[in-house]
Amino acid sequence: MLATKKKQVVIKKHQVHEKDTGSPEVQVAVISAQIDELAKHLKKHKKDNHSRRGLIKMVADRRTYLKYLERKNKTRYNALIKKLELV
């Protein structure tokens, strides 16, 4: 799990307006941070298959949010991809 302070920093960095916590950009950024943290954990604990399953689910959720954003607003999608370096 992502620490509250780290999560707030990620939200501040990617929010569209001041009180934004639920836009697709913020959700993708938070999930990406969680994925990075869990990937580090799995490098250390190679046999933790339960966490690996959670990682796969998070990647699928992120992909769903990205597809939604791409469908709704291509420019915001491209900006987010560049900002998060997902390509």
PDB file of N, CA and C in Angstrom:
ATOM      1  N   MET A   1       0.832  -1.190   0.000  1.00  0.00           N
ATOM      2  CA  MET A   1       0.000   0.000   0.000  1.00  0.00           C
ATOM      3  C   MET A   1       0.873   1.250   0.000  1.00  0.00           C
ATOM      4  N   LEU A   2       0.311   2.281  -0.530  1.00  0.00           N
ATOM      5  CA  LEU A   2       0.993   3.551  -0.646  1.00  0.00           C
ATOM      6  C   LEU A   2       0.771   4.354   0.634  1.00  0.00           C
ATOM      7  N   ALA A   3       1.828   4.917   1.186  1.00  0.00           N
ATOM      8  CA  ALA A   3       1.696   5.728   2.395  1.00  0.00           C
ATOM      9  C   ALA A   3       0.872   6.974   2.084  1.00  0.00           C
ATOM     10  N   THR A   4       0.168   7.471   3.086  1.00  0.00           N
ATOM     11  CA  THR A   4      -0.721   8.616   2.900  1.00  0.00           C
ATOM     12  C   THR A   4       0.024   9.835   2.389  1.00  0.00           C
ATOM     13  N   LYS A   5       1.185  10.103   2.935  1.00  0.00           N
ATOM     14  CA  LYS A   5       1.966  11.274   2.505  1.00  0.00           C
ATOM     15  C   LYS A   5       2.377  11.146   1.032  1.00  0.00           C
ATOM     16  N   LYS A   6       2.842   9.951   0.655  1.00  0.00           N
ATOM     17  CA  LYS A   6       3.245   9.721  -0.733  1.00  0.00           C
ATOM     18  C   LYS A   6       2.061   9.884  -1.674  1.00  0.00           C
ATOM     19  N   LYS A   7       0.920   9.353  -1.256  1.00  0.00           N
ATOM     20  CA  LYS A   7      -0.288   9.428  -2.069  1.00  0.00           C
ATOM     21  C   LYS A   7      -0.720  10.883  -2.263  1.00  0.00           C
ATOM     22  N   GLN A   8      -0.641  11.686  -1.208  1.00  0.00           N
ATOM     23  CA  GLN A   8      -0.997  13.105  -1.306  1.00  0.00           C
ATOM     24  C   GLN A   8      -0.062  13.842  -2.255  1.00  0.00           C
ATOM     25  N   VAL A   9       1.213  13.499  -2.238  1.00  0.00           N
ATOM     26  CA  VAL A   9       2.181  14.133  -3.145  1.00  0.00           C
ATOM     27  C   VAL A   9       1.843  13.791  -4.589  1.00  0.00           C
ATOM     28  N   VAL A  10       1.520  12.527  -4.846  1.00  0.00           N
ATOM     29  CA  VAL A  10       1.172  12.098  -6.196  1.00  0.00           C
ATOM     30  C   VAL A  10      -0.098  12.801  -6.662  1.00  0.00           C
ATOM     31  N   ILE A  11      -1.083  12.910  -5.782  1.00  0.00           N
ATOM     32  CA  ILE A  11      -2.337  13.586  -6.132  1.00  0.00           C
ATOM     33  C   ILE A  11      -2.074  15.050  -6.450  1.00  0.00           C
ATOM     34  N   LYS A  12      -1.304  15.737  -5.607  1.00  0.00           N
ATOM     35  CA  LYS A  12      -0.990  17.155  -5.849  1.00  0.00           C
ATOM     36  C   LYS A  12      -0.307  17.361  -7.197  1.00  0.00           C
ATOM     37  N   LYS A  13       0.553  16.429  -7.565  1.00  0.00           N
ATOM     38  CA  LYS A  13       1.329  16.547  -8.786  1.00  0.00           C
ATOM     39  C   LYS A  13       0.468  16.396 -10.040  1.00  0.00           C
ATOM     40  N   HIS A  14      -0.600  15.604  -9.963  1.00  0.00           N
ATOM     41  CA  HIS A  14      -1.365  15.253 -11.157  1.00  0.00           C
ATOM     42  C   HIS A  14      -2.800  15.774 -11.164  1.00  0.00           C
ATOM     43  N   GLN A  15      -3.219  16.511 -10.155  1.00  0.00           N
ATOM     44  CA  GLN A  15      -4.606  16.951 -10.127  1.00  0.00           C
ATOM     45  C   GLN A  15      -4.878  18.033 -11.167  1.00  0.00           C
ATOM     46  N   VAL A  16      -6.114  18.023 -11.670  1.00  0.00           N
ATOM     47  CA  VAL A  16      -6.535  18.953 -12.710  1.00  0.00           C
ATOM     48  C   VAL A  16      -6.914  20.299 -12.102  1.00  0.00           C
ATOM     49  N   HIS A  17      -7.582  20.275 -10.956  1.00  0.00           N
ATOM     50  CA  HIS A  17      -7.923  21.492 -10.228  1.00  0.00           C
ATOM     51  C   HIS A  17      -7.642  21.279  -8.752  1.00  0.00           C
ATOM     52  N   GLU A  18      -7.851  22.289  -7.939  1.00  0.00           N
ATOM     53  CA  GLU A  18      -7.398  22.277  -6.550  1.00  0.00           C
ATOM     54  C   GLU A  18      -7.943  21.115  -5.715  1.00  0.00           C
ATOM     55  N   LYS A  19      -9.225  20.808  -5.851  1.00  0.00           N
ATOM     56  CA  LYS A  19      -9.831  19.768  -5.015  1.00  0.00           C
ATOM     57  C   LYS A  19      -9.990  18.442  -5.736  1.00  0.00           C
ATOM     58  N   ASP A  20      -9.251  18.241  -6.800  1.00  0.00           N
ATOM     59  CA  ASP A  20      -9.378  17.053  -7.630  1.00  0.00           C
ATOM     60  C   ASP A  20      -8.691  15.859  -6.989  1.00  0.00           C
ATOM     61  N   THR A  21      -9.465  14.795  -6.741  1.00  0.00           N
ATOM     62  CA  THR A  21      -8.880  13.550  -6.256  1.00  0.00           C
ATOM     63  C   THR A  21      -9.373  12.357  -7.057  1.00  0.00           C
ATOM     64  N   GLY A  22     -10.273  12.563  -8.019  1.00  0.00           N
ATOM     65  CA  GLY A  22     -10.878  11.434  -8.707  1.00  0.00           C
ATOM     66  C   GLY A  22     -10.793  11.467 -10.213  1.00  0.00           C
ATOM     67  N   SER A  23     -10.094  12.421 -10.775  1.00  0.00           N
ATOM     68  CA  SER A  23      -9.985  12.474 -12.233  1.00  0.00           C
ATOM     69  C   SER A  23      -9.162  11.274 -12.718  1.00  0.00           C
ATOM     70  N   PRO A  24      -9.332  10.889 -13.965  1.00  0.00           N
ATOM     71  CA  PRO A  24      -8.567   9.744 -14.474  1.00  0.00           C
ATOM     72  C   PRO A  24      -7.053   9.936 -14.341  1.00  0.00           C
ATOM     73  N   GLU A  25      -6.580  11.180 -14.506  1.00  0.00           N
ATOM     74  CA  GLU A  25      -5.143  11.433 -14.384  1.00  0.00           C
ATOM     75  C   GLU A  25      -4.643  11.081 -12.988  1.00  0.00           C
ATOM     76  N   VAL A  26      -5.388  11.500 -11.974  1.00  0.00           N
ATOM     77  CA  VAL A  26      -5.004  11.236 -10.584  1.00  0.00           C
ATOM     78  C   VAL A  26      -5.078   9.741 -10.295  1.00  0.00           C
ATOM     79  N   GLN A  27      -6.145   9.101 -10.754  1.00  0.00           N
ATOM     80  CA  GLN A  27      -6.305   7.673 -10.484  1.00  0.00           C
ATOM     81  C   GLN A  27      -5.193   6.855 -11.132  1.00  0.00           C
ATOM     82  N   VAL A  28      -4.847   7.186 -12.359  1.00  0.00           N
ATOM     83  CA  VAL A  28      -3.768   6.465 -13.046  1.00  0.00           C
ATOM     84  C   VAL A  28      -2.439   6.713 -12.336  1.00  0.00           C
ATOM     85  N   ALA A  29      -2.205   7.941 -11.903  1.00  0.00           N
ATOM     86  CA  ALA A  29      -0.952   8.269 -11.226  1.00  0.00           C
ATOM     87  C   ALA A  29      -0.824   7.513  -9.900  1.00  0.00           C
ATOM     88  N   VAL A  30      -1.904   7.445  -9.143  1.00  0.00           N
ATOM     89  CA  VAL A  30      -1.879   6.734  -7.854  1.00  0.00           C
ATOM     90  C   VAL A  30      -1.659   5.239  -8.084  1.00  0.00           C
ATOM     91  N   ILE A  31      -2.371   4.681  -9.048  1.00  0.00           N
ATOM     92  CA  ILE A  31      -2.196   3.252  -9.334  1.00  0.00           C
ATOM     93  C   ILE A  31      -0.779   2.975  -9.822  1.00  0.00           C
ATOM     94  N   SER A  32      -0.229   3.874 -10.627  1.00  0.00           N
ATOM     95  CA  SER A  32       1.142   3.688 -11.112  1.00  0.00           C
ATOM     96  C   SER A  32       2.139   3.701  -9.965  1.00  0.00           C
ATOM     97  N   ALA A  33       1.932   4.585  -8.999  1.00  0.00           N
ATOM     98  CA  ALA A  33       2.812   4.630  -7.830  1.00  0.00           C
ATOM     99  C   ALA A  33       2.698   3.333  -7.028  1.00  0.00           C
ATOM    100  N   GLN A  34       1.468   2.822  -6.883  1.00  0.00           N
ATOM    101  CA  GLN A  34       1.277   1.563  -6.174  1.00  0.00           C
ATOM    102  C   GLN A  34       1.943   0.407  -6.926  1.00  0.00           C
ATOM    103  N   ILE A  35       1.836   0.414  -8.240  1.00  0.00           N
ATOM    104  CA  ILE A  35       2.457  -0.630  -9.053  1.00  0.00           C
ATOM    105  C   ILE A  35       3.967  -0.611  -8.874  1.00  0.00           C
ATOM    106  N   ASP A  36       4.563   0.583  -8.894  1.00  0.00           N
ATOM    107  CA  ASP A  36       6.013   0.693  -8.713  1.00  0.00           C
ATOM    108  C   ASP A  36       6.446   0.149  -7.358  1.00  0.00           C
ATOM    109  N   GLU A  37       5.690   0.506  -6.326  1.00  0.00           N
ATOM    110  CA  GLU A  37       6.025   0.056  -4.981  1.00  0.00           C
ATOM    111  C   GLU A  37       5.893  -1.468  -4.857  1.00  0.00           C
ATOM    112  N   LEU A  38       4.827  -2.017  -5.423  1.00  0.00           N
ATOM    113  CA  LEU A  38       4.612  -3.453  -5.349  1.00  0.00           C
ATOM    114  C   LEU A  38       5.631  -4.217  -6.196  1.00  0.00           C
ATOM    115  N   ALA A  39       6.059  -3.643  -7.291  1.00  0.00           N
ATOM    116  CA  ALA A  39       7.078  -4.284  -8.128  1.00  0.00           C
ATOM    117  C   ALA A  39       8.399  -4.397  -7.364  1.00  0.00           C
ATOM    118  N   LYS A  40       8.741  -3.351  -6.600  1.00  0.00           N
ATOM    119  CA  LYS A  40       9.951  -3.414  -5.762  1.00  0.00           C
ATOM    120  C   LYS A  40       9.839  -4.533  -4.739  1.00  0.00           C
ATOM    121  N   HIS A  41       8.653  -4.655  -4.128  1.00  0.00           N
ATOM    122  CA  HIS A  41       8.415  -5.708  -3.140  1.00  0.00           C
ATOM    123  C   HIS A  41       8.592  -7.092  -3.771  1.00  0.00           C
ATOM    124  N   LEU A  42       8.047  -7.244  -4.986  1.00  0.00           N
ATOM    125  CA  LEU A  42       8.101  -8.559  -5.627  1.00  0.00           C
ATOM    126  C   LEU A  42       9.497  -8.925  -6.104  1.00  0.00           C
ATOM    127  N   LYS A  43      10.347  -7.944  -6.334  1.00  0.00           N
ATOM    128  CA  LYS A  43      11.736  -8.257  -6.679  1.00  0.00           C
ATOM    129  C   LYS A  43      12.452  -8.876  -5.490  1.00  0.00           C
ATOM    130  N   LYS A  44      12.081  -8.429  -4.294  1.00  0.00           N
ATOM    131  CA  LYS A  44      12.700  -8.958  -3.084  1.00  0.00           C
ATOM    132  C   LYS A  44      12.059 -10.293  -2.673  1.00  0.00           C
ATOM    133  N   HIS A  45      10.743 -10.396  -2.830  1.00  0.00           N
ATOM    134  CA  HIS A  45       9.995 -11.584  -2.403  1.00  0.00           C
ATOM    135  C   HIS A  45       9.425 -12.275  -3.631  1.00  0.00           C
ATOM    136  N   LYS A  46      10.224 -13.063  -4.281  1.00  0.00           N
ATOM    137  CA  LYS A  46       9.866 -13.657  -5.576  1.00  0.00           C
ATOM    138  C   LYS A  46       8.704 -14.651  -5.498  1.00  0.00           C
ATOM    139  N   LYS A  47       8.488 -15.278  -4.361  1.00  0.00           N
ATOM    140  CA  LYS A  47       7.454 -16.305  -4.254  1.00  0.00           C
ATOM    141  C   LYS A  47       6.133 -15.787  -3.692  1.00  0.00           C
ATOM    142  N   ASP A  48       5.976 -14.496  -3.578  1.00  0.00           N
ATOM    143  CA  ASP A  48       4.752 -13.900  -3.044  1.00  0.00           C
ATOM    144  C   ASP A  48       3.707 -13.809  -4.160  1.00  0.00           C
ATOM    145  N   ASN A  49       3.048 -14.934  -4.409  1.00  0.00           N
ATOM    146  CA  ASN A  49       2.105 -15.009  -5.520  1.00  0.00           C
ATOM    147  C   ASN A  49       0.809 -14.256  -5.259  1.00  0.00           C
ATOM    148  N   HIS A  50       0.421 -14.104  -4.013  1.00  0.00           N
ATOM    149  CA  HIS A  50      -0.789 -13.352  -3.707  1.00  0.00           C
ATOM    150  C   HIS A  50      -0.613 -11.875  -4.082  1.00  0.00           C
ATOM    151  N   SER A  51       0.528 -11.317  -3.767  1.00  0.00           N
ATOM    152  CA  SER A  51       0.802  -9.929  -4.146  1.00  0.00           C
ATOM    153  C   SER A  51       0.970  -9.799  -5.650  1.00  0.00           C
ATOM    154  N   ARG A  52       1.518 -10.811  -6.283  1.00  0.00           N
ATOM    155  CA  ARG A  52       1.679 -10.793  -7.742  1.00  0.00           C
ATOM    156  C   ARG A  52       0.314 -10.707  -8.420  1.00  0.00           C
ATOM    157  N   ARG A  53      -0.662 -11.413  -7.879  1.00  0.00           N
ATOM    158  CA  ARG A  53      -2.016 -11.371  -8.431  1.00  0.00           C
ATOM    159  C   ARG A  53      -2.598  -9.968  -8.280  1.00  0.00           C
ATOM    160  N   GLY A  54      -2.347  -9.335  -7.133  1.00  0.00           N
ATOM    161  CA  GLY A  54      -2.802  -7.962  -6.929  1.00  0.00           C
ATOM    162  C   GLY A  54      -2.146  -7.004  -7.908  1.00  0.00           C
ATOM    163  N   LEU A  55      -0.867  -7.231  -8.184  1.00  0.00           N
ATOM    164  CA  LEU A  55      -0.151  -6.393  -9.147  1.00  0.00           C
ATOM    165  C   LEU A  55      -0.775  -6.502 -10.534  1.00  0.00           C
ATOM    166  N   ILE A  56      -1.087  -7.714 -10.936  1.00  0.00           N
ATOM    167  CA  ILE A  56      -1.695  -7.925 -12.252  1.00  0.00           C
ATOM    168  C   ILE A  56      -3.053  -7.235 -12.323  1.00  0.00           C
ATOM    169  N   LYS A  57      -3.813  -7.279 -11.236  1.00  0.00           N
ATOM    170  CA  LYS A  57      -5.119  -6.604 -11.207  1.00  0.00           C
ATOM    171  C   LYS A  57      -4.941  -5.092 -11.307  1.00  0.00           C
ATOM    172  N   MET A  58      -3.950  -4.543 -10.612  1.00  0.00           N
ATOM    173  CA  MET A  58      -3.703  -3.100 -10.680  1.00  0.00           C
ATOM    174  C   MET A  58      -3.302  -2.664 -12.086  1.00  0.00           C
ATOM    175  N   VAL A  59      -2.480  -3.462 -12.748  1.00  0.00           N
ATOM    176  CA  VAL A  59      -2.076  -3.138 -14.119  1.00  0.00           C
ATOM    177  C   VAL A  59      -3.303  -3.137 -15.033  1.00  0.00           C
ATOM    178  N   ALA A  60      -4.193  -4.094 -14.839  1.00  0.00           N
ATOM    179  CA  ALA A  60      -5.419  -4.154 -15.647  1.00  0.00           C
ATOM    180  C   ALA A  60      -6.312  -2.951 -15.367  1.00  0.00           C
ATOM    181  N   ASP A  61      -6.420  -2.549 -14.097  1.00  0.00           N
ATOM    182  CA  ASP A  61      -7.221  -1.368 -13.737  1.00  0.00           C
ATOM    183  C   ASP A  61      -6.640  -0.113 -14.369  1.00  0.00           C
ATOM    184  N   ARG A  62      -5.313   0.017 -14.329  1.00  0.00           N
ATOM    185  CA  ARG A  62      -4.663   1.186 -14.930  1.00  0.00           C
ATOM    186  C   ARG A  62      -4.924   1.217 -16.431  1.00  0.00           C
ATOM    187  N   ARG A  63      -4.852   0.072 -17.064  1.00  0.00           N
ATOM    188  CA  ARG A  63      -5.110  -0.006 -18.498  1.00  0.00           C
ATOM    189  C   ARG A  63      -6.546   0.431 -18.808  1.00  0.00           C
ATOM    190  N   THR A  64      -7.495   0.035 -17.958  1.00  0.00           N
ATOM    191  CA  THR A  64      -8.895   0.425 -18.147  1.00  0.00           C
ATOM    192  C   THR A  64      -9.055   1.935 -18.048  1.00  0.00           C
ATOM    193  N   TYR A  65      -8.443   2.550 -17.026  1.00  0.00           N
ATOM    194  CA  TYR A  65      -8.511   4.008 -16.876  1.00  0.00           C
ATOM    195  C   TYR A  65      -7.872   4.707 -18.074  1.00  0.00           C
ATOM    196  N   LEU A  66      -6.760   4.180 -18.548  1.00  0.00           N
ATOM    197  CA  LEU A  66      -6.081   4.799 -19.691  1.00  0.00           C
ATOM    198  C   LEU A  66      -6.920   4.690 -20.964  1.00  0.00           C
ATOM    199  N   LYS A  67      -7.571   3.559 -21.172  1.00  0.00           N
ATOM    200  CA  LYS A  67      -8.443   3.413 -22.338  1.00  0.00           C
ATOM    201  C   LYS A  67      -9.600   4.406 -22.272  1.00  0.00           C
ATOM    202  N   TYR A  68     -10.169   4.578 -21.079  1.00  0.00           N
ATOM    203  CA  TYR A  68     -11.252   5.537 -20.897  1.00  0.00           C
ATOM    204  C   TYR A  68     -10.783   6.953 -21.248  1.00  0.00           C
ATOM    205  N   LEU A  69      -9.638   7.327 -20.704  1.00  0.00           N
ATOM    206  CA  LEU A  69      -9.111   8.673 -20.942  1.00  0.00           C
ATOM    207  C   LEU A  69      -8.769   8.874 -22.416  1.00  0.00           C
ATOM    208  N   GLU A  70      -8.241   7.850 -23.053  1.00  0.00           N
ATOM    209  CA  GLU A  70      -7.912   7.954 -24.471  1.00  0.00           C
ATOM    210  C   GLU A  70      -9.175   8.166 -25.303  1.00  0.00           C
ATOM    211  N   ARG A  71     -10.246   7.478 -24.926  1.00  0.00           N
ATOM    212  CA  ARG A  71     -11.513   7.611 -25.634  1.00  0.00           C
ATOM    213  C   ARG A  71     -12.122   8.997 -25.452  1.00  0.00           C
ATOM    214  N   LYS A  72     -12.048   9.532 -24.231  1.00  0.00           N
ATOM    215  CA  LYS A  72     -12.704  10.797 -23.900  1.00  0.00           C
ATOM    216  C   LYS A  72     -11.898  12.024 -24.328  1.00  0.00           C
ATOM    217  N   ASN A  73     -10.585  11.989 -24.099  1.00  0.00           N
ATOM    218  CA  ASN A  73      -9.780  13.176 -24.385  1.00  0.00           C
ATOM    219  C   ASN A  73      -8.356  12.742 -24.730  1.00  0.00           C
ATOM    220  N   LYS A  74      -8.071  12.700 -26.007  1.00  0.00           N
ATOM    221  CA  LYS A  74      -6.788  12.193 -26.503  1.00  0.00           C
ATOM    222  C   LYS A  74      -5.607  13.063 -26.050  1.00  0.00           C
ATOM    223  N   THR A  75      -5.787  14.390 -25.979  1.00  0.00           N
ATOM    224  CA  THR A  75      -4.672  15.262 -25.592  1.00  0.00           C
ATOM    225  C   THR A  75      -4.294  15.059 -24.128  1.00  0.00           C
ATOM    226  N   ARG A  76      -5.300  14.916 -23.247  1.00  0.00           N
ATOM    227  CA  ARG A  76      -5.010  14.655 -21.834  1.00  0.00           C
ATOM    228  C   ARG A  76      -4.342  13.294 -21.673  1.00  0.00           C
ATOM    229  N   TYR A  77      -4.763  12.328 -22.470  1.00  0.00           N
ATOM    230  CA  TYR A  77      -4.168  10.994 -22.451  1.00  0.00           C
ATOM    231  C   TYR A  77      -2.689  11.059 -22.828  1.00  0.00           C
ATOM    232  N   ASN A  78      -2.393  11.745 -23.944  1.00  0.00           N
ATOM    233  CA  ASN A  78      -0.999  11.849 -24.399  1.00  0.00           C
ATOM    234  C   ASN A  78      -0.132  12.572 -23.378  1.00  0.00           C
ATOM    235  N   ALA A  79      -0.682  13.644 -22.763  1.00  0.00           N
ATOM    236  CA  ALA A  79       0.063  14.380 -21.754  1.00  0.00           C
ATOM    237  C   ALA A  79       0.375  13.505 -20.537  1.00  0.00           C
ATOM    238  N   LEU A  80      -0.603  12.708 -20.129  1.00  0.00           N
ATOM    239  CA  LEU A  80      -0.423  11.834 -18.958  1.00  0.00           C
ATOM    240  C   LEU A  80       0.605  10.743 -19.244  1.00  0.00           C
ATOM    241  N   ILE A  81       0.549  10.164 -20.418  1.00  0.00           N
ATOM    242  CA  ILE A  81       1.497   9.114 -20.797  1.00  0.00           C
ATOM    243  C   ILE A  81       2.929   9.658 -20.759  1.00  0.00           C
ATOM    244  N   LYS A  82       3.115  10.856 -21.289  1.00  0.00           N
ATOM    245  CA  LYS A  82       4.453  11.466 -21.275  1.00  0.00           C
ATOM    246  C   LYS A  82       4.892  11.783 -19.853  1.00  0.00           C
ATOM    247  N   LYS A  83       3.957  12.313 -19.052  1.00  0.00           N
ATOM    248  CA  LYS A  83       4.293  12.726 -17.685  1.00  0.00           C
ATOM    249  C   LYS A  83       4.685  11.518 -16.821  1.00  0.00           C
ATOM    250  N   LEU A  84       3.981  10.416 -17.007  1.00  0.00           N
ATOM    251  CA  LEU A  84       4.257   9.216 -16.206  1.00  0.00           C
ATOM    252  C   LEU A  84       5.295   8.304 -16.850  1.00  0.00           C
ATOM    253  N   GLU A  85       5.708   8.627 -18.062  1.00  0.00           N
ATOM    254  CA  GLU A  85       6.700   7.827 -18.807  1.00  0.00           C
ATOM    255  C   GLU A  85       6.258   6.374 -18.929  1.00  0.00           C
ATOM    256  N   LEU A  86       5.021   6.165 -19.404  1.00  0.00           N
ATOM    257  CA  LEU A  86       4.475   4.823 -19.537  1.00  0.00           C
ATOM    258  C   LEU A  86       4.749   4.181 -20.887  1.00  0.00           C
ATOM    259  N   VAL A  87       5.280   4.952 -21.823  1.00  0.00           N
ATOM    260  CA  VAL A  87       5.534   4.395 -23.157  1.00  0.00           C
ATOM    261  C   VAL A  87       6.909   3.800 -23.215  1.00  0.00           C
TER     262      VAL A  87
END
